[in-house]
Amino acid sequence: MPREDYQQRLDGLRDDVIDMSDLVLERYRASLEALEEKDEEMARRIIEGDAEINEMYLDIEQDCVDLIALQQPVAGDLRLIAASFKIITDLERVADLATNLGDYTLDAERDRFPGVDVQELGAFAASMVKDAVRAYETEDADLCHDVAESDDVLDARCEEASRRIIRCLIDDTADRQEAEDVIRDATCLFLTIRDLERVGDHAVNIAARTLYMVENDDELIW
């Protein structure tokens, strides 16, 4: 493979990862909108569209394999390829979490716990993924650390949201005839919050791999 073509393929790999992140975040934000609006049609489109992201993931994975097999990259180039492969794995999992949100849209009543702002949590997690991918795109090590610090904020907010659900359960289950519905909806909301927290975790993974790619620093990898 000529060196010029090799460099173009490396640049193309980075571009493809960024394109995948744009699509994943588009689907993730749409899943939050579907959840907010109780839009079952949109939720089903998100669930059905997961195959497109899986195909994109497999295509980029193959590009990573080909670059390693055909060129035997070293040092920084190898870290870029390895980071890209790990990052698309996290992006694919964020897309899976978006399909989970689509499932929750179909399953539960969202108005039962008005004190829990799922949209705020979801938007914060989305901003973490966006920042992590921007750090990858621009090779910004400082931004990687910022994403990791944001994860502590998201974790604390998710924990507080879970506490609010528990307080609502204690207050709202006096009528035993409604207890089963309340528990069902609470379970769905707990799962939603868990998945939003996981989106933040995947953002940190992206930042961690980017930091290792840029500075050969494994501080954030866990």
N, C-alpha and C. Protein backbone atom coordinates (compact mmCIF):
# COMPACT_ATOMS: atom_id res chain seq x y z
N MET A 1 0.85 -1.19 0.00
CA MET A 1 0.00 0.00 0.00
C MET A 1 0.89 1.25 0.00
N PRO A 2 0.80 2.13 -1.01
CA PRO A 2 1.63 3.34 -1.03
C PRO A 2 1.38 4.18 0.21
N ARG A 3 2.42 4.89 0.63
CA ARG A 3 2.33 5.66 1.86
C ARG A 3 1.22 6.71 1.79
N GLU A 4 1.06 7.35 0.64
CA GLU A 4 0.03 8.38 0.51
C GLU A 4 -1.36 7.79 0.70
N ASP A 5 -1.58 6.62 0.08
CA ASP A 5 -2.87 5.95 0.22
C ASP A 5 -3.09 5.51 1.67
N TYR A 6 -2.04 5.05 2.31
CA TYR A 6 -2.12 4.64 3.72
C TYR A 6 -2.55 5.81 4.60
N GLN A 7 -1.95 6.99 4.38
CA GLN A 7 -2.31 8.16 5.19
C GLN A 7 -3.75 8.57 4.93
N GLN A 8 -4.18 8.46 3.68
CA GLN A 8 -5.57 8.78 3.36
C GLN A 8 -6.53 7.84 4.07
N ARG A 9 -6.14 6.58 4.16
CA ARG A 9 -7.01 5.62 4.84
C ARG A 9 -7.05 5.88 6.35
N LEU A 10 -5.93 6.30 6.91
CA LEU A 10 -5.93 6.68 8.33
C LEU A 10 -6.85 7.88 8.56
N ASP A 11 -6.73 8.88 7.69
CA ASP A 11 -7.60 10.05 7.82
C ASP A 11 -9.05 9.65 7.62
N GLY A 12 -9.29 8.75 6.66
CA GLY A 12 -10.65 8.29 6.42
C GLY A 12 -11.21 7.52 7.59
N LEU A 13 -10.36 6.77 8.27
CA LEU A 13 -10.80 6.04 9.46
C LEU A 13 -11.31 7.01 10.52
N ARG A 14 -10.54 8.05 10.77
CA ARG A 14 -10.97 9.03 11.78
C ARG A 14 -12.30 9.67 11.37
N ASP A 15 -12.41 10.02 10.08
CA ASP A 15 -13.65 10.63 9.58
C ASP A 15 -14.84 9.68 9.74
N ASP A 16 -14.62 8.40 9.47
CA ASP A 16 -15.70 7.42 9.59
C ASP A 16 -16.16 7.27 11.04
N VAL A 17 -15.22 7.30 11.97
CA VAL A 17 -15.58 7.21 13.38
C VAL A 17 -16.42 8.42 13.78
N ILE A 18 -16.03 9.59 13.32
CA ILE A 18 -16.79 10.81 13.64
C ILE A 18 -18.19 10.73 13.01
N ASP A 19 -18.27 10.25 11.77
CA ASP A 19 -19.58 10.10 11.13
C ASP A 19 -20.46 9.13 11.91
N MET A 20 -19.86 8.05 12.39
CA MET A 20 -20.63 7.09 13.19
C MET A 20 -21.12 7.75 14.47
N SER A 21 -20.28 8.54 15.09
CA SER A 21 -20.70 9.21 16.33
C SER A 21 -21.86 10.17 16.07
N ASP A 22 -21.82 10.86 14.92
CA ASP A 22 -22.92 11.78 14.59
C ASP A 22 -24.24 11.02 14.46
N LEU A 23 -24.20 9.86 13.78
CA LEU A 23 -25.42 9.08 13.60
C LEU A 23 -25.91 8.51 14.93
N VAL A 24 -24.98 8.01 15.74
CA VAL A 24 -25.36 7.45 17.03
C VAL A 24 -26.00 8.52 17.92
N LEU A 25 -25.40 9.70 17.96
CA LEU A 25 -25.96 10.76 18.79
C LEU A 25 -27.31 11.23 18.25
N GLU A 26 -27.45 11.24 16.93
CA GLU A 26 -28.75 11.59 16.34
C GLU A 26 -29.82 10.61 16.80
N ARG A 27 -29.51 9.31 16.74
CA ARG A 27 -30.48 8.29 17.17
C ARG A 27 -30.72 8.37 18.68
N TYR A 28 -29.67 8.60 19.43
CA TYR A 28 -29.82 8.68 20.89
C TYR A 28 -30.71 9.86 21.28
N ARG A 29 -30.47 11.03 20.67
CA ARG A 29 -31.30 12.19 20.98
C ARG A 29 -32.74 11.96 20.54
N ALA A 30 -32.92 11.28 19.42
CA ALA A 30 -34.28 10.95 18.97
C ALA A 30 -34.97 10.02 19.97
N SER A 31 -34.21 9.10 20.56
CA SER A 31 -34.81 8.19 21.54
C SER A 31 -35.25 8.95 22.79
N LEU A 32 -34.49 9.97 23.17
CA LEU A 32 -34.90 10.80 24.29
C LEU A 32 -36.17 11.58 23.95
N GLU A 33 -36.24 12.07 22.72
CA GLU A 33 -37.44 12.79 22.28
C GLU A 33 -38.65 11.86 22.27
N ALA A 34 -38.46 10.64 21.76
CA ALA A 34 -39.55 9.68 21.75
C ALA A 34 -40.04 9.38 23.16
N LEU A 35 -39.09 9.27 24.08
CA LEU A 35 -39.44 9.00 25.47
C LEU A 35 -40.23 10.15 26.07
N GLU A 36 -39.81 11.37 25.76
CA GLU A 36 -40.47 12.56 26.29
C GLU A 36 -41.88 12.72 25.72
N GLU A 37 -42.00 12.47 24.41
CA GLU A 37 -43.28 12.70 23.73
C GLU A 37 -44.17 11.45 23.71
N LYS A 38 -43.67 10.36 24.25
CA LYS A 38 -44.38 9.07 24.20
C LYS A 38 -44.72 8.72 22.75
N ASP A 39 -43.74 8.93 21.87
CA ASP A 39 -43.93 8.74 20.44
C ASP A 39 -43.54 7.30 20.08
N GLU A 40 -44.53 6.43 20.02
CA GLU A 40 -44.25 5.01 19.80
C GLU A 40 -43.74 4.75 18.38
N GLU A 41 -44.21 5.51 17.41
CA GLU A 41 -43.74 5.32 16.03
C GLU A 41 -42.25 5.65 15.92
N MET A 42 -41.84 6.76 16.52
CA MET A 42 -40.42 7.12 16.51
C MET A 42 -39.60 6.07 17.25
N ALA A 43 -40.12 5.60 18.36
CA ALA A 43 -39.40 4.59 19.13
C ALA A 43 -39.17 3.33 18.29
N ARG A 44 -40.17 2.93 17.53
CA ARG A 44 -40.01 1.73 16.70
C ARG A 44 -39.00 1.96 15.58
N ARG A 45 -38.97 3.18 15.03
CA ARG A 45 -37.98 3.48 13.98
C ARG A 45 -36.56 3.40 14.54
N ILE A 46 -36.39 3.86 15.76
CA ILE A 46 -35.07 3.81 16.39
C ILE A 46 -34.65 2.36 16.62
N ILE A 47 -35.57 1.56 17.11
CA ILE A 47 -35.27 0.15 17.35
C ILE A 47 -34.91 -0.56 16.04
N GLU A 48 -35.70 -0.31 15.01
CA GLU A 48 -35.46 -0.97 13.72
C GLU A 48 -34.19 -0.46 13.04
N GLY A 49 -33.81 0.80 13.33
CA GLY A 49 -32.64 1.39 12.69
C GLY A 49 -31.31 0.96 13.28
N ASP A 50 -31.35 0.16 14.35
CA ASP A 50 -30.10 -0.24 14.98
C ASP A 50 -29.23 -1.07 14.04
N ALA A 51 -29.85 -1.77 13.09
CA ALA A 51 -29.09 -2.59 12.16
C ALA A 51 -28.15 -1.74 11.31
N GLU A 52 -28.57 -0.54 10.95
CA GLU A 52 -27.72 0.35 10.15
C GLU A 52 -26.44 0.69 10.89
N ILE A 53 -26.57 0.96 12.18
CA ILE A 53 -25.39 1.30 12.97
C ILE A 53 -24.50 0.08 13.14
N ASN A 54 -25.10 -1.08 13.31
CA ASN A 54 -24.29 -2.31 13.41
C ASN A 54 -23.48 -2.55 12.14
N GLU A 55 -24.08 -2.28 10.98
CA GLU A 55 -23.36 -2.44 9.72
C GLU A 55 -22.20 -1.44 9.62
N MET A 56 -22.45 -0.21 10.05
CA MET A 56 -21.39 0.80 10.03
C MET A 56 -20.24 0.36 10.94
N TYR A 57 -20.60 -0.16 12.10
CA TYR A 57 -19.59 -0.65 13.04
C TYR A 57 -18.73 -1.74 12.40
N LEU A 58 -19.36 -2.69 11.74
CA LEU A 58 -18.63 -3.80 11.13
C LEU A 58 -17.73 -3.32 10.00
N ASP A 59 -18.19 -2.34 9.23
CA ASP A 59 -17.37 -1.79 8.14
C ASP A 59 -16.11 -1.12 8.68
N ILE A 60 -16.27 -0.33 9.73
CA ILE A 60 -15.11 0.37 10.30
C ILE A 60 -14.18 -0.63 10.98
N GLU A 61 -14.75 -1.62 11.63
CA GLU A 61 -13.93 -2.67 12.24
C GLU A 61 -13.06 -3.34 11.18
N GLN A 62 -13.64 -3.64 10.03
CA GLN A 62 -12.87 -4.27 8.96
C GLN A 62 -11.76 -3.36 8.46
N ASP A 63 -12.04 -2.06 8.38
CA ASP A 63 -11.00 -1.11 7.98
C ASP A 63 -9.83 -1.14 8.96
N CYS A 64 -10.14 -1.22 10.26
CA CYS A 64 -9.08 -1.30 11.27
C CYS A 64 -8.24 -2.56 11.07
N VAL A 65 -8.91 -3.66 10.85
CA VAL A 65 -8.20 -4.93 10.65
C VAL A 65 -7.31 -4.84 9.41
N ASP A 66 -7.85 -4.30 8.32
CA ASP A 66 -7.08 -4.20 7.08
C ASP A 66 -5.85 -3.31 7.25
N LEU A 67 -6.01 -2.20 7.94
CA LEU A 67 -4.87 -1.29 8.13
C LEU A 67 -3.76 -1.98 8.92
N ILE A 68 -4.13 -2.74 9.92
CA ILE A 68 -3.12 -3.44 10.72
C ILE A 68 -2.48 -4.56 9.91
N ALA A 69 -3.29 -5.31 9.19
CA ALA A 69 -2.78 -6.48 8.47
C ALA A 69 -1.92 -6.09 7.27
N LEU A 70 -2.31 -5.02 6.57
CA LEU A 70 -1.63 -4.66 5.32
C LEU A 70 -0.45 -3.73 5.52
N GLN A 71 -0.47 -2.94 6.58
CA GLN A 71 0.57 -1.91 6.73
C GLN A 71 1.46 -2.12 7.95
N GLN A 72 1.00 -2.93 8.91
CA GLN A 72 1.76 -3.14 10.15
C GLN A 72 2.19 -1.81 10.77
N PRO A 73 1.22 -0.97 11.13
CA PRO A 73 1.54 0.36 11.67
C PRO A 73 2.25 0.26 13.01
N VAL A 74 3.00 1.28 13.34
CA VAL A 74 3.72 1.33 14.60
C VAL A 74 3.36 2.62 15.34
N ALA A 75 3.68 2.63 16.62
CA ALA A 75 3.61 3.81 17.49
C ALA A 75 2.26 4.52 17.35
N GLY A 76 2.32 5.82 16.98
CA GLY A 76 1.12 6.65 16.99
C GLY A 76 0.03 6.15 16.06
N ASP A 77 0.41 5.65 14.89
CA ASP A 77 -0.59 5.15 13.95
C ASP A 77 -1.32 3.93 14.53
N LEU A 78 -0.57 3.07 15.18
CA LEU A 78 -1.19 1.88 15.77
C LEU A 78 -2.14 2.28 16.90
N ARG A 79 -1.75 3.28 17.69
CA ARG A 79 -2.63 3.74 18.77
C ARG A 79 -3.91 4.35 18.19
N LEU A 80 -3.80 5.08 17.07
CA LEU A 80 -4.98 5.65 16.43
C LEU A 80 -5.93 4.54 15.99
N ILE A 81 -5.41 3.52 15.36
CA ILE A 81 -6.26 2.44 14.87
C ILE A 81 -6.89 1.69 16.04
N ALA A 82 -6.10 1.39 17.06
CA ALA A 82 -6.62 0.67 18.23
C ALA A 82 -7.67 1.51 18.95
N ALA A 83 -7.40 2.81 19.10
CA ALA A 83 -8.36 3.69 19.76
C ALA A 83 -9.65 3.77 18.96
N SER A 84 -9.51 3.86 17.65
CA SER A 84 -10.70 3.94 16.79
C SER A 84 -11.57 2.70 16.94
N PHE A 85 -10.92 1.55 16.98
CA PHE A 85 -11.67 0.30 17.13
C PHE A 85 -12.41 0.27 18.47
N LYS A 86 -11.74 0.66 19.53
CA LYS A 86 -12.39 0.66 20.85
C LYS A 86 -13.52 1.70 20.90
N ILE A 87 -13.30 2.84 20.26
CA ILE A 87 -14.30 3.91 20.31
C ILE A 87 -15.57 3.49 19.57
N ILE A 88 -15.44 2.85 18.41
CA ILE A 88 -16.66 2.44 17.70
C ILE A 88 -17.42 1.38 18.49
N THR A 89 -16.70 0.60 19.29
CA THR A 89 -17.38 -0.37 20.15
C THR A 89 -18.25 0.35 21.17
N ASP A 90 -17.71 1.40 21.78
CA ASP A 90 -18.50 2.18 22.74
C ASP A 90 -19.65 2.90 22.05
N LEU A 91 -19.42 3.42 20.86
CA LEU A 91 -20.50 4.08 20.13
C LEU A 91 -21.62 3.10 19.79
N GLU A 92 -21.26 1.89 19.39
CA GLU A 92 -22.27 0.88 19.08
C GLU A 92 -23.09 0.56 20.32
N ARG A 93 -22.46 0.57 21.46
CA ARG A 93 -23.19 0.28 22.70
C ARG A 93 -24.09 1.44 23.10
N VAL A 94 -23.66 2.67 22.82
CA VAL A 94 -24.55 3.81 23.05
C VAL A 94 -25.80 3.67 22.17
N ALA A 95 -25.59 3.23 20.92
CA ALA A 95 -26.74 3.01 20.03
C ALA A 95 -27.66 1.93 20.59
N ASP A 96 -27.09 0.88 21.17
CA ASP A 96 -27.91 -0.16 21.81
C ASP A 96 -28.72 0.42 22.96
N LEU A 97 -28.12 1.33 23.72
CA LEU A 97 -28.83 1.96 24.82
C LEU A 97 -29.97 2.85 24.29
N ALA A 98 -29.76 3.44 23.13
CA ALA A 98 -30.83 4.22 22.51
C ALA A 98 -32.02 3.32 22.17
N THR A 99 -31.74 2.11 21.69
CA THR A 99 -32.85 1.18 21.41
C THR A 99 -33.55 0.76 22.70
N ASN A 100 -32.77 0.67 23.78
CA ASN A 100 -33.40 0.39 25.08
C ASN A 100 -34.41 1.50 25.43
N LEU A 101 -34.00 2.74 25.22
CA LEU A 101 -34.91 3.86 25.51
C LEU A 101 -36.16 3.76 24.64
N GLY A 102 -35.97 3.29 23.39
CA GLY A 102 -37.14 3.06 22.55
C GLY A 102 -38.07 2.02 23.16
N ASP A 103 -37.51 0.96 23.69
CA ASP A 103 -38.32 -0.06 24.36
C ASP A 103 -39.06 0.52 25.56
N TYR A 104 -38.37 1.35 26.34
CA TYR A 104 -39.00 1.94 27.52
C TYR A 104 -40.14 2.87 27.13
N THR A 105 -40.01 3.53 25.97
CA THR A 105 -41.08 4.39 25.48
C THR A 105 -42.36 3.59 25.29
N LEU A 106 -42.21 2.35 24.83
CA LEU A 106 -43.38 1.51 24.57
C LEU A 106 -43.96 0.91 25.84
N ASP A 107 -43.17 0.89 26.92
CA ASP A 107 -43.55 0.09 28.08
C ASP A 107 -44.20 0.85 29.24
N ALA A 108 -43.77 2.09 29.49
CA ALA A 108 -44.13 2.69 30.79
C ALA A 108 -44.77 4.06 30.64
N GLU A 109 -45.49 4.43 31.67
CA GLU A 109 -46.08 5.76 31.80
C GLU A 109 -45.03 6.70 32.37
N ARG A 110 -44.73 7.81 31.65
CA ARG A 110 -43.63 8.67 32.07
C ARG A 110 -44.04 9.74 33.08
N ASP A 111 -45.35 9.99 33.24
CA ASP A 111 -45.78 11.12 34.07
C ASP A 111 -45.86 10.77 35.55
N ARG A 112 -45.61 9.55 35.90
CA ARG A 112 -45.83 9.13 37.29
C ARG A 112 -44.77 9.69 38.23
N PHE A 113 -43.59 10.02 37.69
CA PHE A 113 -42.49 10.51 38.53
C PHE A 113 -42.01 11.87 37.99
N PRO A 114 -42.80 12.92 38.16
CA PRO A 114 -42.45 14.23 37.57
C PRO A 114 -41.18 14.84 38.15
N GLY A 115 -40.76 14.39 39.31
CA GLY A 115 -39.56 14.97 39.91
C GLY A 115 -38.26 14.46 39.31
N VAL A 116 -38.35 13.50 38.39
CA VAL A 116 -37.15 12.92 37.76
C VAL A 116 -37.04 13.45 36.34
N ASP A 117 -36.00 14.23 36.08
CA ASP A 117 -35.81 14.87 34.77
C ASP A 117 -34.91 14.00 33.89
N VAL A 118 -35.53 13.04 33.23
CA VAL A 118 -34.79 12.14 32.35
C VAL A 118 -34.14 12.90 31.21
N GLN A 119 -34.82 13.92 30.70
CA GLN A 119 -34.28 14.68 29.56
C GLN A 119 -32.99 15.40 29.93
N GLU A 120 -32.95 15.94 31.13
CA GLU A 120 -31.73 16.64 31.56
C GLU A 120 -30.57 15.66 31.71
N LEU A 121 -30.86 14.51 32.30
CA LEU A 121 -29.82 13.50 32.44
C LEU A 121 -29.34 13.02 31.07
N GLY A 122 -30.30 12.78 30.18
CA GLY A 122 -29.95 12.29 28.86
C GLY A 122 -29.15 13.29 28.06
N ALA A 123 -29.51 14.57 28.15
CA ALA A 123 -28.78 15.61 27.42
C ALA A 123 -27.37 15.75 27.96
N PHE A 124 -27.22 15.63 29.27
CA PHE A 124 -25.88 15.73 29.87
C PHE A 124 -25.00 14.59 29.38
N ALA A 125 -25.56 13.38 29.36
CA ALA A 125 -24.80 12.22 28.87
C ALA A 125 -24.43 12.39 27.40
N ALA A 126 -25.35 12.93 26.60
CA ALA A 126 -25.07 13.17 25.18
C ALA A 126 -23.92 14.16 25.01
N SER A 127 -23.91 15.20 25.85
CA SER A 127 -22.84 16.19 25.76
C SER A 127 -21.49 15.58 26.09
N MET A 128 -21.49 14.60 27.00
CA MET A 128 -20.24 13.91 27.33
C MET A 128 -19.71 13.12 26.12
N VAL A 129 -20.62 12.41 25.44
CA VAL A 129 -20.20 11.66 24.26
C VAL A 129 -19.69 12.62 23.19
N LYS A 130 -20.41 13.71 22.98
CA LYS A 130 -19.99 14.68 21.96
C LYS A 130 -18.61 15.24 22.28
N ASP A 131 -18.38 15.58 23.54
CA ASP A 131 -17.06 16.12 23.94
C ASP A 131 -15.97 15.07 23.77
N ALA A 132 -16.29 13.82 24.11
CA ALA A 132 -15.29 12.76 24.00
C ALA A 132 -14.88 12.55 22.55
N VAL A 133 -15.86 12.57 21.64
CA VAL A 133 -15.54 12.40 20.22
C VAL A 133 -14.79 13.62 19.70
N ARG A 134 -15.14 14.81 20.20
CA ARG A 134 -14.41 16.01 19.78
C ARG A 134 -12.96 15.92 20.24
N ALA A 135 -12.73 15.37 21.44
CA ALA A 135 -11.36 15.18 21.92
C ALA A 135 -10.60 14.23 21.00
N TYR A 136 -11.27 13.18 20.55
CA TYR A 136 -10.67 12.23 19.61
C TYR A 136 -10.35 12.93 18.28
N GLU A 137 -11.28 13.72 17.80
CA GLU A 137 -11.10 14.39 16.51
C GLU A 137 -9.95 15.38 16.53
N THR A 138 -9.84 16.13 17.65
CA THR A 138 -8.84 17.21 17.74
C THR A 138 -7.61 16.82 18.55
N GLU A 139 -7.60 15.60 19.07
CA GLU A 139 -6.50 15.11 19.91
C GLU A 139 -6.27 16.03 21.10
N ASP A 140 -7.36 16.32 21.81
CA ASP A 140 -7.35 17.25 22.94
C ASP A 140 -7.30 16.46 24.25
N ALA A 141 -6.13 16.35 24.84
CA ALA A 141 -5.97 15.57 26.07
C ALA A 141 -6.71 16.21 27.24
N ASP A 142 -6.72 17.53 27.32
CA ASP A 142 -7.41 18.21 28.43
C ASP A 142 -8.90 17.91 28.41
N LEU A 143 -9.47 17.87 27.22
CA LEU A 143 -10.90 17.59 27.12
C LEU A 143 -11.22 16.17 27.57
N CYS A 144 -10.28 15.25 27.37
CA CYS A 144 -10.47 13.88 27.88
C CYS A 144 -10.65 13.88 29.39
N HIS A 145 -9.83 14.65 30.07
CA HIS A 145 -9.95 14.74 31.54
C HIS A 145 -11.26 15.41 31.93
N ASP A 146 -11.70 16.41 31.16
CA ASP A 146 -12.97 17.08 31.45
C ASP A 146 -14.13 16.09 31.37
N VAL A 147 -14.10 15.22 30.37
CA VAL A 147 -15.17 14.22 30.23
C VAL A 147 -15.18 13.28 31.44
N ALA A 148 -14.02 12.86 31.87
CA ALA A 148 -13.94 11.97 33.02
C ALA A 148 -14.50 12.64 34.28
N GLU A 149 -14.22 13.93 34.45
CA GLU A 149 -14.74 14.66 35.60
C GLU A 149 -16.26 14.82 35.51
N SER A 150 -16.77 14.99 34.28
CA SER A 150 -18.21 15.13 34.09
C SER A 150 -18.94 13.86 34.51
N ASP A 151 -18.27 12.72 34.39
CA ASP A 151 -18.91 11.45 34.75
C ASP A 151 -19.28 11.41 36.22
N ASP A 152 -18.47 12.04 37.07
CA ASP A 152 -18.80 12.10 38.50
C ASP A 152 -20.09 12.89 38.71
N VAL A 153 -20.26 13.96 37.94
CA VAL A 153 -21.47 14.78 38.03
C VAL A 153 -22.69 13.96 37.59
N LEU A 154 -22.55 13.26 36.47
CA LEU A 154 -23.67 12.45 35.98
C LEU A 154 -24.03 11.35 36.97
N ASP A 155 -23.03 10.68 37.51
CA ASP A 155 -23.29 9.63 38.49
C ASP A 155 -24.08 10.17 39.68
N ALA A 156 -23.68 11.33 40.17
CA ALA A 156 -24.37 11.93 41.33
C ALA A 156 -25.81 12.29 40.98
N ARG A 157 -26.03 12.80 39.79
CA ARG A 157 -27.39 13.17 39.37
C ARG A 157 -28.26 11.93 39.19
N CYS A 158 -27.69 10.88 38.66
CA CYS A 158 -28.44 9.63 38.50
C CYS A 158 -28.79 9.03 39.86
N GLU A 159 -27.86 9.10 40.79
CA GLU A 159 -28.14 8.60 42.14
C GLU A 159 -29.27 9.38 42.80
N GLU A 160 -29.25 10.70 42.65
CA GLU A 160 -30.31 11.53 43.22
C GLU A 160 -31.65 11.22 42.56
N ALA A 161 -31.65 10.99 41.24
CA ALA A 161 -32.89 10.64 40.55
C ALA A 161 -33.45 9.33 41.08
N SER A 162 -32.59 8.37 41.33
CA SER A 162 -33.05 7.09 41.87
C SER A 162 -33.64 7.26 43.26
N ARG A 163 -33.05 8.13 44.05
CA ARG A 163 -33.60 8.40 45.40
C ARG A 163 -34.99 9.01 45.30
N ARG A 164 -35.17 9.88 44.32
CA ARG A 164 -36.49 10.50 44.15
C ARG A 164 -37.55 9.47 43.79
N ILE A 165 -37.17 8.51 42.97
CA ILE A 165 -38.13 7.46 42.61
C ILE A 165 -38.53 6.67 43.85
N ILE A 166 -37.55 6.35 44.67
CA ILE A 166 -37.84 5.58 45.89
C ILE A 166 -38.77 6.37 46.80
N ARG A 167 -38.51 7.69 46.93
CA ARG A 167 -39.39 8.52 47.77
C ARG A 167 -40.81 8.53 47.22
N CYS A 168 -40.94 8.60 45.87
CA CYS A 168 -42.26 8.57 45.25
C CYS A 168 -42.95 7.23 45.49
N LEU A 169 -42.18 6.15 45.42
CA LEU A 169 -42.76 4.83 45.67
C LEU A 169 -43.34 4.75 47.08
N ILE A 170 -42.61 5.28 48.03
CA ILE A 170 -43.07 5.25 49.41
C ILE A 170 -44.35 6.06 49.58
N ASP A 171 -44.41 7.19 48.87
CA ASP A 171 -45.56 8.10 49.02
C ASP A 171 -46.79 7.63 48.24
N ASP A 172 -46.57 6.94 47.09
CA ASP A 172 -47.67 6.74 46.14
C ASP A 172 -48.28 5.34 46.15
N THR A 173 -47.80 4.45 46.98
CA THR A 173 -48.31 3.08 46.91
C THR A 173 -49.29 2.76 48.03
N ALA A 174 -49.92 3.78 48.60
CA ALA A 174 -50.92 3.52 49.64
C ALA A 174 -52.12 2.77 49.05
N ASP A 175 -52.48 3.11 47.81
CA ASP A 175 -53.55 2.40 47.12
C ASP A 175 -52.97 1.13 46.51
N ARG A 176 -53.21 0.01 47.13
CA ARG A 176 -52.58 -1.24 46.72
C ARG A 176 -53.01 -1.69 45.32
N GLN A 177 -54.19 -1.23 44.88
CA GLN A 177 -54.64 -1.63 43.56
C GLN A 177 -53.74 -1.05 42.46
N GLU A 178 -53.10 0.06 42.76
CA GLU A 178 -52.22 0.70 41.79
C GLU A 178 -50.75 0.30 41.99
N ALA A 179 -50.48 -0.47 43.02
CA ALA A 179 -49.09 -0.76 43.37
C ALA A 179 -48.34 -1.45 42.24
N GLU A 180 -49.02 -2.39 41.56
CA GLU A 180 -48.33 -3.14 40.50
C GLU A 180 -47.92 -2.21 39.35
N ASP A 181 -48.81 -1.29 38.97
CA ASP A 181 -48.49 -0.34 37.90
C ASP A 181 -47.36 0.59 38.32
N VAL A 182 -47.41 1.04 39.56
CA VAL A 182 -46.37 1.95 40.05
C VAL A 182 -45.01 1.25 40.03
N ILE A 183 -44.96 0.02 40.50
CA ILE A 183 -43.70 -0.72 40.53
C ILE A 183 -43.19 -0.96 39.12
N ARG A 184 -44.09 -1.30 38.19
CA ARG A 184 -43.68 -1.50 36.79
C ARG A 184 -43.04 -0.23 36.22
N ASP A 185 -43.70 0.90 36.43
CA ASP A 185 -43.19 2.15 35.88
C ASP A 185 -41.90 2.57 36.57
N ALA A 186 -41.81 2.32 37.86
CA ALA A 186 -40.58 2.64 38.58
C ALA A 186 -39.42 1.80 38.06
N THR A 187 -39.70 0.53 37.78
CA THR A 187 -38.65 -0.35 37.25
C THR A 187 -38.14 0.17 35.92
N CYS A 188 -39.06 0.57 35.04
CA CYS A 188 -38.66 1.12 33.74
C CYS A 188 -37.82 2.38 33.91
N LEU A 189 -38.21 3.22 34.85
CA LEU A 189 -37.47 4.46 35.05
C LEU A 189 -36.10 4.19 35.65
N PHE A 190 -36.02 3.25 36.57
CA PHE A 190 -34.70 2.85 37.09
C PHE A 190 -33.80 2.37 35.95
N LEU A 191 -34.35 1.56 35.05
CA LEU A 191 -33.56 1.06 33.93
C LEU A 191 -33.15 2.19 32.99
N THR A 192 -34.03 3.16 32.80
CA THR A 192 -33.69 4.31 31.97
C THR A 192 -32.51 5.07 32.55
N ILE A 193 -32.58 5.34 33.84
CA ILE A 193 -31.50 6.08 34.51
C ILE A 193 -30.21 5.29 34.45
N ARG A 194 -30.29 3.99 34.65
CA ARG A 194 -29.09 3.15 34.55
C ARG A 194 -28.46 3.27 33.17
N ASP A 195 -29.30 3.23 32.14
CA ASP A 195 -28.76 3.29 30.78
C ASP A 195 -28.17 4.66 30.46
N LEU A 196 -28.78 5.72 30.96
CA LEU A 196 -28.21 7.05 30.75
C LEU A 196 -26.85 7.16 31.43
N GLU A 197 -26.73 6.57 32.60
CA GLU A 197 -25.44 6.55 33.29
C GLU A 197 -24.42 5.77 32.47
N ARG A 198 -24.85 4.71 31.83
CA ARG A 198 -23.94 3.92 31.00
C ARG A 198 -23.47 4.69 29.77
N VAL A 199 -24.34 5.54 29.24
CA VAL A 199 -23.92 6.40 28.12
C VAL A 199 -22.73 7.24 28.56
N GLY A 200 -22.81 7.80 29.77
CA GLY A 200 -21.68 8.56 30.30
C GLY A 200 -20.44 7.71 30.45
N ASP A 201 -20.62 6.47 30.89
CA ASP A 201 -19.47 5.57 31.01
C ASP A 201 -18.79 5.33 29.66
N HIS A 202 -19.59 5.17 28.63
CA HIS A 202 -19.02 4.97 27.29
C HIS A 202 -18.30 6.22 26.81
N ALA A 203 -18.82 7.39 27.17
CA ALA A 203 -18.12 8.64 26.84
C ALA A 203 -16.74 8.67 27.49
N VAL A 204 -16.67 8.25 28.74
CA VAL A 204 -15.37 8.21 29.43
C VAL A 204 -14.44 7.20 28.74
N ASN A 205 -14.98 6.07 28.32
CA ASN A 205 -14.15 5.09 27.60
C ASN A 205 -13.55 5.71 26.34
N ILE A 206 -14.38 6.46 25.61
CA ILE A 206 -13.89 7.13 24.39
C ILE A 206 -12.79 8.11 24.74
N ALA A 207 -13.02 8.89 25.80
CA ALA A 207 -12.00 9.86 26.23
C ALA A 207 -10.73 9.15 26.66
N ALA A 208 -10.87 8.02 27.35
CA ALA A 208 -9.71 7.28 27.84
C ALA A 208 -8.85 6.77 26.69
N ARG A 209 -9.49 6.21 25.68
CA ARG A 209 -8.75 5.71 24.53
C ARG A 209 -8.12 6.85 23.74
N THR A 210 -8.80 7.99 23.71
CA THR A 210 -8.23 9.15 23.02
C THR A 210 -7.00 9.65 23.74
N LEU A 211 -7.06 9.72 25.07
CA LEU A 211 -5.91 10.17 25.84
C LEU A 211 -4.72 9.24 25.62
N TYR A 212 -5.00 7.94 25.58
CA TYR A 212 -3.91 6.98 25.33
C TYR A 212 -3.36 7.16 23.92
N MET A 213 -4.23 7.41 22.96
CA MET A 213 -3.80 7.63 21.58
C MET A 213 -2.90 8.86 21.46
N VAL A 214 -3.30 9.94 22.15
CA VAL A 214 -2.60 11.22 22.00
C VAL A 214 -1.31 11.26 22.80
N GLU A 215 -1.36 10.77 24.05
CA GLU A 215 -0.23 10.95 24.96
C GLU A 215 0.35 9.65 25.49
N ASN A 216 -0.14 8.52 24.98
CA ASN A 216 0.31 7.21 25.49
C ASN A 216 0.10 7.14 27.00
N ASP A 217 -1.00 7.72 27.47
CA ASP A 217 -1.32 7.83 28.89
C ASP A 217 -2.55 6.98 29.17
N ASP A 218 -2.40 5.96 30.03
CA ASP A 218 -3.51 5.06 30.31
C ASP A 218 -4.25 5.40 31.60
N GLU A 219 -4.10 6.64 32.09
CA GLU A 219 -4.67 7.04 33.38
C GLU A 219 -6.18 6.80 33.44
N LEU A 220 -6.90 7.06 32.36
CA LEU A 220 -8.36 6.99 32.40
C LEU A 220 -8.90 5.63 32.00
N ILE A 221 -8.04 4.70 31.63
CA ILE A 221 -8.51 3.37 31.20
C ILE A 221 -8.77 2.53 32.44
N TRP A 222 -9.99 1.99 32.54
CA TRP A 222 -10.35 1.16 33.69
C TRP A 222 -11.34 0.11 33.25
